[in-house]
N, C-alpha and C. Protein backbone atom coordinates (compact mmCIF):
# COMPACT_ATOMS: atom_id res chain seq x y z
N MET A 1 0.84 -1.18 0.00
CA MET A 1 0.00 0.00 0.00
C MET A 1 0.89 1.25 0.00
N PRO A 2 0.62 2.20 -0.85
CA PRO A 2 1.42 3.43 -0.86
C PRO A 2 1.30 4.20 0.45
N ASP A 3 2.33 4.96 0.77
CA ASP A 3 2.36 5.69 2.04
C ASP A 3 1.18 6.64 2.21
N PHE A 4 0.80 7.32 1.16
CA PHE A 4 -0.28 8.31 1.32
C PHE A 4 -1.64 7.67 1.56
N LEU A 5 -1.79 6.39 1.28
CA LEU A 5 -3.04 5.70 1.55
C LEU A 5 -3.04 4.94 2.88
N ASN A 6 -1.88 4.83 3.48
CA ASN A 6 -1.75 4.05 4.71
C ASN A 6 -1.93 4.98 5.92
N SER A 7 -3.06 4.90 6.56
CA SER A 7 -3.32 5.78 7.71
C SER A 7 -2.58 5.32 8.97
N GLN A 8 -2.09 4.10 8.99
CA GLN A 8 -1.37 3.57 10.15
C GLN A 8 0.13 3.89 10.11
N ARG A 9 0.62 4.48 9.04
CA ARG A 9 2.04 4.77 8.89
C ARG A 9 2.47 5.86 9.86
N CYS A 10 3.61 5.64 10.49
CA CYS A 10 4.16 6.64 11.41
C CYS A 10 4.83 7.73 10.58
N LYS A 11 4.38 8.95 10.73
CA LYS A 11 4.87 10.03 9.88
C LYS A 11 6.12 10.71 10.42
N TYR A 12 6.47 10.50 11.67
CA TYR A 12 7.60 11.24 12.24
C TYR A 12 8.81 10.38 12.53
N ILE A 13 8.80 9.12 12.13
CA ILE A 13 9.98 8.26 12.25
C ILE A 13 10.40 7.86 10.84
N ARG A 14 11.67 8.03 10.53
CA ARG A 14 12.21 7.69 9.22
C ARG A 14 13.35 6.70 9.42
N PHE A 15 13.37 5.67 8.61
CA PHE A 15 14.43 4.67 8.65
C PHE A 15 15.38 4.87 7.48
N GLY A 16 16.61 5.28 7.76
CA GLY A 16 17.64 5.34 6.74
C GLY A 16 17.48 6.42 5.70
N ASP A 17 16.72 7.46 5.96
CA ASP A 17 16.59 8.55 4.98
C ASP A 17 17.90 9.27 4.76
N PHE A 18 18.66 9.46 5.83
CA PHE A 18 19.94 10.15 5.74
C PHE A 18 21.05 9.20 6.16
N ALA A 19 22.08 9.07 5.35
CA ALA A 19 23.24 8.29 5.75
C ALA A 19 23.94 8.99 6.90
N LEU A 20 24.65 8.24 7.72
CA LEU A 20 25.32 8.84 8.87
C LEU A 20 26.36 9.86 8.46
N ILE A 21 27.06 9.61 7.37
CA ILE A 21 28.08 10.56 6.92
C ILE A 21 27.43 11.88 6.52
N ASP A 22 26.25 11.83 5.92
CA ASP A 22 25.54 13.07 5.58
C ASP A 22 25.14 13.83 6.83
N THR A 23 24.71 13.11 7.84
CA THR A 23 24.30 13.74 9.09
C THR A 23 25.49 14.38 9.80
N LEU A 24 26.63 13.69 9.79
CA LEU A 24 27.80 14.21 10.49
C LEU A 24 28.45 15.38 9.76
N THR A 25 28.33 15.43 8.44
CA THR A 25 29.00 16.48 7.69
C THR A 25 28.15 17.72 7.45
N ARG A 26 26.83 17.60 7.62
CA ARG A 26 26.00 18.80 7.42
C ARG A 26 26.06 19.66 8.68
N ASP A 27 25.47 20.80 8.62
CA ASP A 27 25.53 21.73 9.74
C ASP A 27 24.66 21.24 10.89
N CYS A 28 25.24 20.44 11.78
CA CYS A 28 24.55 19.93 12.96
C CYS A 28 25.06 20.67 14.18
N ASP A 29 24.29 20.59 15.22
CA ASP A 29 24.80 21.11 16.48
C ASP A 29 25.73 20.08 17.10
N ASP A 30 26.57 20.52 18.00
CA ASP A 30 27.59 19.65 18.60
C ASP A 30 26.97 18.50 19.39
N ALA A 31 25.82 18.72 19.97
CA ALA A 31 25.18 17.66 20.76
C ALA A 31 24.77 16.49 19.88
N THR A 32 24.27 16.77 18.68
CA THR A 32 23.89 15.70 17.77
C THR A 32 25.10 14.90 17.32
N ILE A 33 26.17 15.60 16.97
CA ILE A 33 27.39 14.92 16.52
C ILE A 33 27.98 14.09 17.66
N GLN A 34 28.04 14.65 18.84
CA GLN A 34 28.58 13.92 19.98
C GLN A 34 27.72 12.69 20.30
N SER A 35 26.42 12.82 20.24
CA SER A 35 25.52 11.70 20.50
C SER A 35 25.74 10.58 19.48
N LEU A 36 25.84 10.93 18.20
CA LEU A 36 26.06 9.92 17.17
C LEU A 36 27.41 9.23 17.33
N MET A 37 28.43 9.98 17.68
CA MET A 37 29.75 9.38 17.87
C MET A 37 29.75 8.41 19.05
N LEU A 38 29.07 8.76 20.12
CA LEU A 38 28.98 7.85 21.26
C LEU A 38 28.20 6.60 20.90
N GLN A 39 27.16 6.74 20.10
CA GLN A 39 26.39 5.56 19.68
C GLN A 39 27.21 4.65 18.79
N LEU A 40 28.03 5.24 17.92
CA LEU A 40 28.85 4.43 17.01
C LEU A 40 29.95 3.67 17.74
N HIS A 41 30.42 4.19 18.87
CA HIS A 41 31.48 3.52 19.62
C HIS A 41 31.00 2.29 20.37
N LYS A 42 29.71 2.17 20.61
CA LYS A 42 29.18 1.01 21.33
C LYS A 42 29.06 -0.17 20.36
N GLU A 43 29.84 -1.20 20.60
CA GLU A 43 29.86 -2.33 19.67
C GLU A 43 28.58 -3.15 19.74
N SER A 44 27.91 -3.15 20.88
CA SER A 44 26.71 -3.97 21.02
C SER A 44 25.49 -3.32 20.36
N ARG A 45 25.56 -2.05 20.05
CA ARG A 45 24.41 -1.34 19.46
C ARG A 45 24.38 -1.56 17.96
N LYS A 46 23.21 -1.91 17.46
CA LYS A 46 23.07 -2.19 16.04
C LYS A 46 22.25 -1.13 15.32
N PHE A 47 22.06 0.01 15.95
CA PHE A 47 21.35 1.10 15.29
C PHE A 47 21.84 2.42 15.87
N THR A 48 21.63 3.48 15.13
CA THR A 48 21.88 4.83 15.61
C THR A 48 20.64 5.67 15.30
N TYR A 49 20.48 6.74 16.05
CA TYR A 49 19.34 7.62 15.82
C TYR A 49 19.73 9.05 16.10
N HIS A 50 19.02 9.96 15.49
CA HIS A 50 19.16 11.38 15.81
C HIS A 50 17.83 12.06 15.50
N VAL A 51 17.64 13.20 16.12
CA VAL A 51 16.41 13.97 15.96
C VAL A 51 16.72 15.20 15.13
N ARG A 52 15.91 15.42 14.13
CA ARG A 52 16.10 16.58 13.25
C ARG A 52 14.85 17.44 13.29
N LYS A 53 15.02 18.72 13.51
CA LYS A 53 13.90 19.67 13.49
C LYS A 53 13.41 19.87 12.06
N LEU A 54 12.13 20.14 11.94
CA LEU A 54 11.56 20.40 10.62
C LEU A 54 12.04 21.75 10.10
N THR A 55 12.13 21.83 8.78
CA THR A 55 12.46 23.11 8.16
C THR A 55 11.26 24.04 8.27
N SER A 56 11.48 25.30 8.04
CA SER A 56 10.43 26.29 8.27
C SER A 56 9.20 26.06 7.39
N TRP A 57 9.37 25.65 6.15
CA TRP A 57 8.20 25.44 5.29
C TRP A 57 7.45 24.17 5.68
N ARG A 58 8.12 23.19 6.27
CA ARG A 58 7.43 21.97 6.71
C ARG A 58 6.70 22.19 8.03
N LYS A 59 7.17 23.12 8.84
CA LYS A 59 6.47 23.42 10.09
C LYS A 59 5.08 23.98 9.83
N TYR A 60 4.93 24.64 8.69
CA TYR A 60 3.65 25.24 8.34
C TYR A 60 2.54 24.20 8.22
N CYS A 61 2.86 23.03 7.66
CA CYS A 61 1.84 21.99 7.46
C CYS A 61 2.14 20.74 8.29
N LYS A 62 2.74 20.91 9.46
CA LYS A 62 3.13 19.76 10.28
C LYS A 62 1.94 18.97 10.82
N SER A 63 0.81 19.60 10.97
CA SER A 63 -0.35 18.87 11.48
C SER A 63 -0.81 17.81 10.48
N ILE A 64 -0.61 18.04 9.21
CA ILE A 64 -0.99 17.07 8.18
C ILE A 64 0.14 16.11 7.88
N SER A 65 1.34 16.63 7.70
CA SER A 65 2.44 15.81 7.21
C SER A 65 3.24 15.12 8.30
N ASN A 66 3.16 15.57 9.55
CA ASN A 66 4.05 15.01 10.58
C ASN A 66 3.33 14.79 11.91
N ASP A 67 2.05 14.56 11.87
CA ASP A 67 1.26 14.31 13.08
C ASP A 67 1.39 15.41 14.13
N GLY A 68 1.62 16.64 13.70
CA GLY A 68 1.69 17.76 14.62
C GLY A 68 3.02 17.95 15.30
N ARG A 69 3.99 17.10 15.04
CA ARG A 69 5.31 17.22 15.69
C ARG A 69 6.23 18.11 14.86
N ASP A 70 7.11 18.84 15.53
CA ASP A 70 8.03 19.71 14.79
C ASP A 70 9.42 19.08 14.68
N TYR A 71 9.50 17.77 14.73
CA TYR A 71 10.76 17.05 14.59
C TYR A 71 10.51 15.72 13.88
N ILE A 72 11.60 15.13 13.39
CA ILE A 72 11.58 13.79 12.80
C ILE A 72 12.69 12.99 13.46
N ILE A 73 12.41 11.77 13.85
CA ILE A 73 13.41 10.89 14.42
C ILE A 73 13.95 10.01 13.29
N HIS A 74 15.26 10.09 13.06
CA HIS A 74 15.91 9.29 12.02
C HIS A 74 16.63 8.12 12.66
N ILE A 75 16.34 6.93 12.17
CA ILE A 75 16.96 5.71 12.69
C ILE A 75 17.71 5.03 11.55
N ASN A 76 18.97 4.70 11.80
CA ASN A 76 19.78 3.96 10.85
C ASN A 76 20.15 2.61 11.47
N MET A 77 19.78 1.55 10.79
CA MET A 77 20.05 0.20 11.28
C MET A 77 21.31 -0.34 10.60
N HIS A 78 22.11 -1.11 11.35
CA HIS A 78 23.26 -1.79 10.77
C HIS A 78 22.79 -2.98 9.96
N LYS A 79 23.63 -3.45 9.07
CA LYS A 79 23.23 -4.59 8.22
C LYS A 79 23.10 -5.88 9.02
N ASP A 80 23.74 -5.98 10.20
CA ASP A 80 23.68 -7.20 11.00
C ASP A 80 22.51 -7.21 11.97
N SER A 81 21.68 -6.19 11.97
CA SER A 81 20.60 -6.11 12.96
C SER A 81 19.46 -7.05 12.58
N SER A 82 18.71 -7.43 13.57
CA SER A 82 17.55 -8.29 13.37
C SER A 82 16.29 -7.53 13.78
N ASN A 83 15.14 -8.17 13.64
CA ASN A 83 13.92 -7.48 13.99
C ASN A 83 13.77 -7.32 15.49
N HIS A 84 14.58 -8.00 16.30
CA HIS A 84 14.55 -7.84 17.75
C HIS A 84 15.30 -6.58 18.20
N ASP A 85 16.19 -6.07 17.36
CA ASP A 85 16.96 -4.89 17.70
C ASP A 85 16.10 -3.66 17.57
């Protein structure tokens, strides 16, 4: 089923939209970069996440496109992860 027809789809969580290198090299605040680096150092962790604020034009229609939230949670899974992770 396409995303726009699926009413059960979570609109504010994205899986793998941004590669980690893109996140680390774009203009992030230091807390985001430090958080990602700490997550990458943990060998037992099979995923990383970061929170990104919506851009100004997306904030305008956030009630429709993002369930009213002004942020998106990005999750990147490692290739060795399972559905239990």
